[in-house]
């Protein structure tokens, strides 16, 4: 239960975090184009394999809005699409075990597509 709560908080923290906007080239009609991105880093006193299992399960539970693209013990990649618009985002979780605490550093990045 504790790990499921952790995975839910991790997932929600990435999905609902404040987004930074960066300017890119304008559309033909001179409307600006923006790419949203978000980066987060967490340190947990939970082994990476538990975090990986729970995050993957959470992504699968939110299908079809979230689609799991790739997973291995230290990396998770997924896509998110909105029901309200065709826009979406690429989501990447990178997990690195810590030696001293037997925990896990989790780096997450979300970029609009």
C-alpha atoms as a PDB file:
ATOM      1  CA  UNK A   1       0.000   0.000   0.000  1.00  0.00           C
ATOM      2  CA  UNK A   2       2.821   2.372   0.909  1.00  0.00           C
ATOM      3  CA  UNK A   3       4.553   1.747  -2.432  1.00  0.00           C
ATOM      4  CA  UNK A   4       1.309   2.220  -4.379  1.00  0.00           C
ATOM      5  CA  UNK A   5       0.784   5.558  -2.654  1.00  0.00           C
ATOM      6  CA  UNK A   6       4.374   6.469  -3.500  1.00  0.00           C
ATOM      7  CA  UNK A   7       3.910   5.567  -7.183  1.00  0.00           C
ATOM      8  CA  UNK A   8       0.655   7.529  -7.358  1.00  0.00           C
ATOM      9  CA  UNK A   9       2.306  10.581  -5.802  1.00  0.00           C
ATOM     10  CA  UNK A  10       5.259  10.254  -8.174  1.00  0.00           C
ATOM     11  CA  UNK A  11       3.000   9.985 -11.204  1.00  0.00           C
ATOM     12  CA  UNK A  12       0.705  12.816 -10.089  1.00  0.00           C
ATOM     13  CA  UNK A  13       3.671  15.016  -9.224  1.00  0.00           C
ATOM     14  CA  UNK A  14       4.952  14.761 -12.758  1.00  0.00           C
ATOM     15  CA  UNK A  15       1.566  15.121 -14.435  1.00  0.00           C
ATOM     16  CA  UNK A  16       0.334  18.103 -12.461  1.00  0.00           C
ATOM     17  CA  UNK A  17       3.591  19.962 -11.855  1.00  0.00           C
ATOM     18  CA  UNK A  18       3.995  23.490 -13.144  1.00  0.00           C
ATOM     19  CA  UNK A  19       5.131  23.545 -16.750  1.00  0.00           C
ATOM     20  CA  UNK A  20       7.797  25.824 -18.158  1.00  0.00           C
ATOM     21  CA  UNK A  21       7.225  27.203 -21.619  1.00  0.00           C
ATOM     22  CA  UNK A  22       9.890  27.829 -24.206  1.00  0.00           C
ATOM     23  CA  UNK A  23       9.345  29.679 -27.461  1.00  0.00           C
ATOM     24  CA  UNK A  24       9.885  27.970 -30.827  1.00  0.00           C
ATOM     25  CA  UNK A  25       9.348  29.083 -34.420  1.00  0.00           C
ATOM     26  CA  UNK A  26       5.956  30.660 -35.210  1.00  0.00           C
ATOM     27  CA  UNK A  27       3.169  29.044 -37.185  1.00  0.00           C
ATOM     28  CA  UNK A  28       2.529  30.345 -40.730  1.00  0.00           C
ATOM     29  CA  UNK A  29      -0.213  32.600 -39.367  1.00  0.00           C
ATOM     30  CA  UNK A  30       2.307  34.170 -36.917  1.00  0.00           C
ATOM     31  CA  UNK A  31       0.818  32.503 -33.847  1.00  0.00           C
ATOM     32  CA  UNK A  32       3.555  31.469 -31.415  1.00  0.00           C
ATOM     33  CA  UNK A  33       4.410  27.824 -30.857  1.00  0.00           C
ATOM     34  CA  UNK A  34       5.213  26.673 -27.332  1.00  0.00           C
ATOM     35  CA  UNK A  35       6.759  23.469 -26.057  1.00  0.00           C
ATOM     36  CA  UNK A  36       5.927  22.528 -22.498  1.00  0.00           C
ATOM     37  CA  UNK A  37       8.392  20.547 -20.437  1.00  0.00           C
ATOM     38  CA  UNK A  38       8.846  19.510 -16.861  1.00  0.00           C
ATOM     39  CA  UNK A  39      11.724  17.862 -14.985  1.00  0.00           C
ATOM     40  CA  UNK A  40      11.589  16.384 -11.482  1.00  0.00           C
ATOM     41  CA  UNK A  41      14.051  14.534  -9.255  1.00  0.00           C
ATOM     42  CA  UNK A  42      13.024  12.461  -6.243  1.00  0.00           C
ATOM     43  CA  UNK A  43      14.989  10.395  -3.717  1.00  0.00           C
ATOM     44  CA  UNK A  44      13.089   7.515  -2.119  1.00  0.00           C
ATOM     45  CA  UNK A  45      14.043   5.006   0.573  1.00  0.00           C
ATOM     46  CA  UNK A  46      12.391   2.304  -1.534  1.00  0.00           C
ATOM     47  CA  UNK A  47      14.212  -0.053  -3.942  1.00  0.00           C
ATOM     48  CA  UNK A  48      14.031   0.919  -7.621  1.00  0.00           C
ATOM     49  CA  UNK A  49      12.381  -2.362  -8.641  1.00  0.00           C
ATOM     50  CA  UNK A  50       9.361  -1.562  -6.427  1.00  0.00           C
ATOM     51  CA  UNK A  51       9.059   1.941  -7.858  1.00  0.00           C
ATOM     52  CA  UNK A  52       9.391   0.606 -11.412  1.00  0.00           C
ATOM     53  CA  UNK A  53       6.665  -2.000 -10.864  1.00  0.00           C
ATOM     54  CA  UNK A  54       4.225   0.485  -9.342  1.00  0.00           C
ATOM     55  CA  UNK A  55       4.801   3.261 -11.906  1.00  0.00           C
ATOM     56  CA  UNK A  56       4.317   0.803 -14.793  1.00  0.00           C
ATOM     57  CA  UNK A  57       1.113  -0.489 -13.159  1.00  0.00           C
ATOM     58  CA  UNK A  58      -0.127   3.089 -12.713  1.00  0.00           C
ATOM     59  CA  UNK A  59       0.559   3.934 -16.374  1.00  0.00           C
ATOM     60  CA  UNK A  60      -1.314   0.816 -17.482  1.00  0.00           C
ATOM     61  CA  UNK A  61      -4.219   1.676 -15.164  1.00  0.00           C
ATOM     62  CA  UNK A  62      -4.607   5.056 -16.891  1.00  0.00           C
ATOM     63  CA  UNK A  63      -4.819   3.632 -20.429  1.00  0.00           C
ATOM     64  CA  UNK A  64      -5.867   4.655 -23.075  1.00  0.00           C
ATOM     65  CA  UNK A  65      -4.688   8.169 -22.124  1.00  0.00           C
ATOM     66  CA  UNK A  66      -1.264   6.773 -21.198  1.00  0.00           C
ATOM     67  CA  UNK A  67       0.581   4.278 -23.384  1.00  0.00           C
ATOM     68  CA  UNK A  68       3.631   2.398 -22.150  1.00  0.00           C
ATOM     69  CA  UNK A  69       6.337   2.461 -24.841  1.00  0.00           C
ATOM     70  CA  UNK A  70       9.339   0.874 -23.165  1.00  0.00           C
ATOM     71  CA  UNK A  71      10.410  -0.414 -19.786  1.00  0.00           C
ATOM     72  CA  UNK A  72      13.465  -2.036 -18.264  1.00  0.00           C
ATOM     73  CA  UNK A  73      14.618  -2.163 -14.614  1.00  0.00           C
ATOM     74  CA  UNK A  74      16.090   1.369 -14.740  1.00  0.00           C
ATOM     75  CA  UNK A  75      13.973   3.197 -17.339  1.00  0.00           C
ATOM     76  CA  UNK A  76      10.311   3.746 -18.215  1.00  0.00           C
ATOM     77  CA  UNK A  77       9.014   5.560 -21.310  1.00  0.00           C
ATOM     78  CA  UNK A  78       5.389   6.396 -22.001  1.00  0.00           C
ATOM     79  CA  UNK A  79       3.173   8.739 -24.020  1.00  0.00           C
ATOM     80  CA  UNK A  80       0.227  10.722 -22.735  1.00  0.00           C
ATOM     81  CA  UNK A  81      -2.561  12.050 -24.936  1.00  0.00           C
ATOM     82  CA  UNK A  82      -5.402  14.294 -23.873  1.00  0.00           C
ATOM     83  CA  UNK A  83      -9.036  13.511 -24.579  1.00  0.00           C
ATOM     84  CA  UNK A  84      -9.666  17.236 -25.117  1.00  0.00           C
ATOM     85  CA  UNK A  85      -6.977  17.908 -27.716  1.00  0.00           C
ATOM     86  CA  UNK A  86      -4.609  16.084 -30.057  1.00  0.00           C
ATOM     87  CA  UNK A  87      -1.612  17.348 -28.097  1.00  0.00           C
ATOM     88  CA  UNK A  88       0.358  14.910 -26.013  1.00  0.00           C
ATOM     89  CA  UNK A  89       3.594  14.434 -24.162  1.00  0.00           C
ATOM     90  CA  UNK A  90       6.510  12.046 -23.876  1.00  0.00           C
ATOM     91  CA  UNK A  91       7.245  10.913 -20.327  1.00  0.00           C
ATOM     92  CA  UNK A  92      10.521   9.329 -19.224  1.00  0.00           C
ATOM     93  CA  UNK A  93      11.424   7.981 -15.785  1.00  0.00           C
ATOM     94  CA  UNK A  94      15.075   7.117 -15.086  1.00  0.00           C
ATOM     95  CA  UNK A  95      15.745   5.130 -11.909  1.00  0.00           C
ATOM     96  CA  UNK A  96      19.165   4.968 -10.237  1.00  0.00           C
ATOM     97  CA  UNK A  97      19.728   2.832  -7.128  1.00  0.00           C
ATOM     98  CA  UNK A  98      21.451   4.534  -4.201  1.00  0.00           C
ATOM     99  CA  UNK A  99      24.163   2.666  -2.329  1.00  0.00           C
ATOM    100  CA  UNK A 100      23.915   4.133   1.161  1.00  0.00           C
ATOM    101  CA  UNK A 101      20.156   4.066   1.720  1.00  0.00           C
ATOM    102  CA  UNK A 102      19.219   1.118  -0.528  1.00  0.00           C
ATOM    103  CA  UNK A 103      16.784   3.579  -2.062  1.00  0.00           C
ATOM    104  CA  UNK A 104      16.280   5.049  -5.493  1.00  0.00           C
ATOM    105  CA  UNK A 105      16.870   8.359  -7.268  1.00  0.00           C
ATOM    106  CA  UNK A 106      14.035   8.911  -9.734  1.00  0.00           C
ATOM    107  CA  UNK A 107      14.478  11.470 -12.503  1.00  0.00           C
ATOM    108  CA  UNK A 108      11.332  12.215 -14.496  1.00  0.00           C
ATOM    109  CA  UNK A 109      10.960  14.320 -17.607  1.00  0.00           C
ATOM    110  CA  UNK A 110       7.864  15.263 -19.559  1.00  0.00           C
ATOM    111  CA  UNK A 111       8.000  17.024 -22.940  1.00  0.00           C
ATOM    112  CA  UNK A 112       5.073  18.075 -25.109  1.00  0.00           C
ATOM    113  CA  UNK A 113       4.815  16.621 -28.604  1.00  0.00           C
END
